[in-house]
Amino acid sequence: MEESMWYMRPVFFVTDVKRAHDFYANKLGFKMKWQSPEGKVCQVDREGCEIILEENQRNDRGRLFLSLSREGVNELLQEIAERSVKTDKTWWGYDVLQIKDPDGNELLVCLEW
């Protein structure tokens, strides 16, 4: 019998999918995995961290909590410094680094191991 597997991807609502993709690709190093034919939905991926970006006028915002290895955090910190990505250190049950995309969706990166 095959073992059951759950596969989850958060959906972030954005006002302009091209602008959102540009942020995730050029600022955070994600790659385009797929895009809908009309260009209003795409999925970006970085090392198995997948996010669906949907162009939609909803006012909802999403949050993604990332746990990376110490080396992964150090690499990300170097990249965002080089790319001038605005971040804030905050508390969310752990010390976390908060990154907001142009639409206010949050990526919280755990800074504790």
Protein backbone atom coordinates (compact mmCIF):
# COMPACT_ATOMS: atom_id res chain seq x y z
CA MET A 1 0.00 0.00 0.00
CA GLU A 2 1.34 3.43 -0.97
CA GLU A 3 1.89 5.90 1.85
CA SER A 4 -0.32 9.00 1.84
CA MET A 5 1.42 12.31 1.17
CA TRP A 6 0.13 15.83 1.67
CA TYR A 7 1.43 18.57 -0.58
CA MET A 8 0.80 22.18 0.43
CA ARG A 9 1.43 25.49 -1.31
CA PRO A 10 0.31 28.85 0.06
CA VAL A 11 -1.54 31.22 -2.28
CA PHE A 12 -0.63 34.90 -2.06
CA PHE A 13 -3.07 37.38 -3.58
CA VAL A 14 -1.28 40.08 -5.57
CA THR A 15 -2.40 43.09 -7.58
CA ASP A 16 0.06 42.48 -10.43
CA VAL A 17 1.44 38.99 -10.97
CA LYS A 18 4.33 40.23 -13.15
CA ARG A 19 5.45 42.66 -10.42
CA ALA A 20 5.10 39.94 -7.78
CA HIS A 21 7.07 37.45 -9.87
CA ASP A 22 9.80 40.06 -10.39
CA PHE A 23 10.09 40.53 -6.60
CA TYR A 24 10.25 36.81 -5.83
CA ALA A 25 12.66 36.06 -8.71
CA ASN A 26 14.97 39.07 -8.61
CA LYS A 27 14.91 39.87 -4.88
CA LEU A 28 14.48 36.45 -3.27
CA GLY A 29 15.91 34.06 -5.89
CA PHE A 30 12.77 32.04 -6.71
CA LYS A 31 12.29 30.45 -10.16
CA MET A 32 9.06 30.32 -12.19
CA LYS A 33 7.62 26.80 -12.00
CA TRP A 34 4.47 27.38 -14.06
CA GLN A 35 2.12 30.12 -15.22
CA SER A 36 -1.51 30.00 -16.30
CA PRO A 37 -2.23 30.67 -20.00
CA GLU A 38 -3.83 34.06 -19.23
CA GLY A 39 -0.86 35.04 -17.04
CA LYS A 40 -2.88 35.82 -13.91
CA VAL A 41 -1.58 32.94 -11.76
CA CYS A 42 1.92 31.53 -11.44
CA GLN A 43 3.90 29.37 -9.11
CA VAL A 44 7.41 30.19 -7.96
CA ASP A 45 9.83 27.78 -6.34
CA ARG A 46 13.05 27.92 -4.41
CA GLU A 47 14.49 24.61 -3.23
CA GLY A 48 11.04 23.07 -2.67
CA CYS A 49 9.49 26.19 -1.10
CA GLU A 50 6.62 26.80 -3.51
CA ILE A 51 4.26 29.78 -3.54
CA ILE A 52 1.31 30.38 -5.86
CA LEU A 53 0.87 34.04 -6.83
CA GLU A 54 -2.67 34.92 -7.93
CA GLU A 55 -3.56 38.28 -9.44
CA ASN A 56 -6.76 39.07 -7.62
CA GLN A 57 -8.28 42.23 -6.13
CA ARG A 58 -8.97 40.53 -2.79
CA ASN A 59 -7.63 42.35 0.24
CA ASP A 60 -6.48 39.12 1.91
CA ARG A 61 -2.83 38.76 2.80
CA GLY A 62 -0.86 35.60 3.41
CA ARG A 63 1.99 34.55 5.64
CA LEU A 64 4.59 31.86 5.08
CA PHE A 65 6.80 30.63 7.93
CA LEU A 66 10.19 29.34 6.76
CA SER A 67 12.58 27.19 8.74
CA LEU A 68 15.96 27.07 7.04
CA SER A 69 19.28 25.59 8.05
CA ARG A 70 21.77 27.99 9.60
CA GLU A 71 23.62 28.00 6.27
CA GLY A 72 20.37 28.71 4.42
CA VAL A 73 19.62 31.68 6.66
CA ASN A 74 23.15 33.04 6.22
CA GLU A 75 22.86 32.69 2.44
CA LEU A 76 19.47 34.42 2.42
CA LEU A 77 20.76 37.25 4.63
CA GLN A 78 23.65 37.85 2.25
CA GLU A 79 21.36 37.81 -0.82
CA ILE A 80 18.80 40.22 0.61
CA ALA A 81 21.56 42.60 1.71
CA GLU A 82 23.03 42.56 -1.81
CA ARG A 83 19.58 43.15 -3.33
CA SER A 84 18.51 45.82 -0.82
CA VAL A 85 15.43 43.93 0.35
CA LYS A 86 13.70 45.68 3.27
CA THR A 87 13.39 43.41 6.31
CA ASP A 88 12.41 43.71 9.95
CA LYS A 89 13.39 41.53 12.88
CA THR A 90 10.37 40.63 14.95
CA TRP A 91 8.96 37.97 17.27
CA TRP A 92 6.47 35.30 16.17
CA GLY A 93 7.02 32.64 18.79
CA TYR A 94 10.66 32.79 17.69
CA ASP A 95 13.03 35.51 16.60
CA VAL A 96 12.14 35.90 12.92
CA LEU A 97 13.13 37.98 9.96
CA GLN A 98 10.04 39.51 8.31
CA ILE A 99 10.04 40.16 4.56
CA LYS A 100 6.98 41.72 2.92
CA ASP A 101 6.31 41.49 -0.79
CA PRO A 102 4.92 44.52 -2.69
CA ASP A 103 1.36 43.47 -1.75
CA GLY A 104 2.00 43.00 1.97
CA ASN A 105 2.22 39.20 2.02
CA GLU A 106 4.76 38.10 4.62
CA LEU A 107 7.59 35.63 4.68
CA LEU A 108 8.77 34.96 8.23
CA VAL A 109 12.20 33.33 8.39
CA CYS A 110 13.01 31.61 11.67
CA LEU A 111 16.31 32.88 13.12
CA GLU A 112 16.52 30.24 15.89
CA TRP A 113 17.86 26.70 15.62
